C-alpha atoms as a PDB file:
ATOM      1  CA  UNK A   1     178.814  82.468 163.704  1.00  0.00           C
ATOM      2  CA  UNK A   2     180.130  85.894 164.678  1.00  0.00           C
ATOM      3  CA  UNK A   3     178.259  87.881 167.265  1.00  0.00           C
ATOM      4  CA  UNK A   4     178.063  91.547 166.280  1.00  0.00           C
ATOM      5  CA  UNK A   5     178.744  93.868 169.185  1.00  0.00           C
ATOM      6  CA  UNK A   6     177.760  97.459 169.007  1.00  0.00           C
ATOM      7  CA  UNK A   7     179.604 100.288 170.689  1.00  0.00           C
ATOM      8  CA  UNK A   8     177.456 101.530 173.587  1.00  0.00           C
ATOM      9  CA  UNK A   9     177.807 104.267 176.155  1.00  0.00           C
ATOM     10  CA  UNK A  10     177.072 102.200 179.262  1.00  0.00           C
ATOM     11  CA  UNK A  11     176.489 105.342 181.254  1.00  0.00           C
ATOM     12  CA  UNK A  12     173.130 105.654 179.412  1.00  0.00           C
ATOM     13  CA  UNK A  13     171.982 102.422 181.037  1.00  0.00           C
ATOM     14  CA  UNK A  14     173.175 103.514 184.458  1.00  0.00           C
ATOM     15  CA  UNK A  15     171.268 106.767 184.208  1.00  0.00           C
ATOM     16  CA  UNK A  16     168.170 105.046 182.898  1.00  0.00           C
ATOM     17  CA  UNK A  17     168.248 102.603 185.834  1.00  0.00           C
ATOM     18  CA  UNK A  18     168.282 105.444 188.364  1.00  0.00           C
ATOM     19  CA  UNK A  19     166.151 108.036 186.637  1.00  0.00           C
ATOM     20  CA  UNK A  20     162.606 107.448 187.916  1.00  0.00           C
ATOM     21  CA  UNK A  21     163.736 106.665 191.470  1.00  0.00           C
ATOM     22  CA  UNK A  22     165.611 109.951 191.645  1.00  0.00           C
ATOM     23  CA  UNK A  23     162.753 111.793 189.976  1.00  0.00           C
ATOM     24  CA  UNK A  24     160.479 110.392 192.728  1.00  0.00           C
ATOM     25  CA  UNK A  25     162.911 111.403 195.475  1.00  0.00           C
ATOM     26  CA  UNK A  26     163.076 114.926 194.039  1.00  0.00           C
ATOM     27  CA  UNK A  27     159.261 115.164 193.895  1.00  0.00           C
ATOM     28  CA  UNK A  28     159.276 115.890 190.148  1.00  0.00           C
ATOM     29  CA  UNK A  29     156.110 117.542 188.912  1.00  0.00           C
ATOM     30  CA  UNK A  30     156.231 115.841 185.475  1.00  0.00           C
ATOM     31  CA  UNK A  31     157.170 112.386 184.317  1.00  0.00           C
ATOM     32  CA  UNK A  32     156.348 112.839 180.633  1.00  0.00           C
ATOM     33  CA  UNK A  33     158.640 111.292 178.066  1.00  0.00           C
ATOM     34  CA  UNK A  34     159.992 114.677 176.948  1.00  0.00           C
ATOM     35  CA  UNK A  35     160.947 115.739 180.489  1.00  0.00           C
ATOM     36  CA  UNK A  36     162.565 112.326 181.151  1.00  0.00           C
ATOM     37  CA  UNK A  37     164.471 112.566 177.876  1.00  0.00           C
ATOM     38  CA  UNK A  38     165.628 116.112 178.686  1.00  0.00           C
ATOM     39  CA  UNK A  39     166.720 115.143 182.166  1.00  0.00           C
ATOM     40  CA  UNK A  40     168.612 112.140 180.796  1.00  0.00           C
ATOM     41  CA  UNK A  41     170.344 114.190 178.097  1.00  0.00           C
ATOM     42  CA  UNK A  42     171.427 116.934 180.517  1.00  0.00           C
ATOM     43  CA  UNK A  43     172.665 114.402 183.071  1.00  0.00           C
ATOM     44  CA  UNK A  44     174.614 112.440 180.474  1.00  0.00           C
ATOM     45  CA  UNK A  45     176.269 115.615 179.207  1.00  0.00           C
ATOM     46  CA  UNK A  46     177.646 116.128 182.742  1.00  0.00           C
ATOM     47  CA  UNK A  47     178.865 112.562 183.284  1.00  0.00           C
ATOM     48  CA  UNK A  48     181.900 110.755 181.866  1.00  0.00           C
ATOM     49  CA  UNK A  49     181.205 108.332 179.081  1.00  0.00           C
ATOM     50  CA  UNK A  50     181.749 104.633 179.588  1.00  0.00           C
ATOM     51  CA  UNK A  51     181.910 103.172 176.115  1.00  0.00           C
ATOM     52  CA  UNK A  52     181.974  99.388 175.803  1.00  0.00           C
ATOM     53  CA  UNK A  53     182.212  97.179 172.703  1.00  0.00           C
ATOM     54  CA  UNK A  54     182.586  93.663 174.165  1.00  0.00           C
ATOM     55  CA  UNK A  55     180.850  91.554 176.753  1.00  0.00           C
ATOM     56  CA  UNK A  56     183.999  91.875 178.850  1.00  0.00           C
ATOM     57  CA  UNK A  57     183.776  95.638 178.573  1.00  0.00           C
ATOM     58  CA  UNK A  58     180.179  95.534 179.811  1.00  0.00           C
ATOM     59  CA  UNK A  59     181.254  93.445 182.806  1.00  0.00           C
ATOM     60  CA  UNK A  60     184.036  95.921 183.679  1.00  0.00           C
ATOM     61  CA  UNK A  61     181.683  98.863 183.231  1.00  0.00           C
ATOM     62  CA  UNK A  62     179.089  97.197 185.558  1.00  0.00           C
ATOM     63  CA  UNK A  63     181.718  96.634 188.207  1.00  0.00           C
ATOM     64  CA  UNK A  64     183.005 100.219 188.097  1.00  0.00           C
ATOM     65  CA  UNK A  65     179.421 101.509 188.178  1.00  0.00           C
ATOM     66  CA  UNK A  66     179.052 100.175 191.674  1.00  0.00           C
ATOM     67  CA  UNK A  67     181.855 102.363 193.032  1.00  0.00           C
ATOM     68  CA  UNK A  68     180.422 104.879 195.488  1.00  0.00           C
ATOM     69  CA  UNK A  69     181.726 107.913 193.610  1.00  0.00           C
ATOM     70  CA  UNK A  70     180.114 106.764 190.393  1.00  0.00           C
ATOM     71  CA  UNK A  71     176.738 106.416 192.068  1.00  0.00           C
ATOM     72  CA  UNK A  72     177.145 109.831 193.716  1.00  0.00           C
ATOM     73  CA  UNK A  73     178.047 111.400 190.386  1.00  0.00           C
ATOM     74  CA  UNK A  74     174.984 109.864 188.680  1.00  0.00           C
ATOM     75  CA  UNK A  75     172.569 110.949 191.450  1.00  0.00           C
ATOM     76  CA  UNK A  76     174.043 114.454 191.432  1.00  0.00           C
ATOM     77  CA  UNK A  77     173.909 114.804 187.639  1.00  0.00           C
ATOM     78  CA  UNK A  78     170.291 113.637 187.485  1.00  0.00           C
ATOM     79  CA  UNK A  79     169.222 115.844 190.410  1.00  0.00           C
ATOM     80  CA  UNK A  80     170.862 118.897 188.810  1.00  0.00           C
ATOM     81  CA  UNK A  81     169.220 118.035 185.494  1.00  0.00           C
ATOM     82  CA  UNK A  82     165.846 117.771 187.210  1.00  0.00           C
ATOM     83  CA  UNK A  83     166.286 121.285 188.553  1.00  0.00           C
ATOM     84  CA  UNK A  84     167.023 122.631 185.088  1.00  0.00           C
ATOM     85  CA  UNK A  85     164.076 120.877 183.426  1.00  0.00           C
ATOM     86  CA  UNK A  86     161.656 121.766 186.248  1.00  0.00           C
ATOM     87  CA  UNK A  87     162.547 125.465 185.770  1.00  0.00           C
ATOM     88  CA  UNK A  88     162.368 125.353 181.987  1.00  0.00           C
ATOM     89  CA  UNK A  89     160.172 122.440 180.748  1.00  0.00           C
ATOM     90  CA  UNK A  90     159.880 122.080 177.008  1.00  0.00           C
ATOM     91  CA  UNK A  91     156.446 120.466 176.973  1.00  0.00           C
ATOM     92  CA  UNK A  92     153.060 122.088 176.730  1.00  0.00           C
ATOM     93  CA  UNK A  93     151.386 122.937 179.994  1.00  0.00           C
ATOM     94  CA  UNK A  94     148.975 120.090 180.721  1.00  0.00           C
ATOM     95  CA  UNK A  95     146.440 122.327 182.497  1.00  0.00           C
ATOM     96  CA  UNK A  96     146.097 124.746 179.660  1.00  0.00           C
END
């Protein structure tokens, strides 16, 4: 039986794993799904892709994701994206 592997940008998982923690650290005013999706998209557009298509590729991507510079880049990209979204949110104002 063949196992079907899909091509995946592993950077998406790395950003998703850090997103809410960094949003909390930055005292985000909104945690709605639209804001989180916008922050994720902006951050990913400023990070290098890490495409993997095999289990071995996933392992290598995980190892490289623990490099200090990679973590710094992810935190910086998410923090910058938070600033953009906080200034220009695309959701309706909850209070009215």
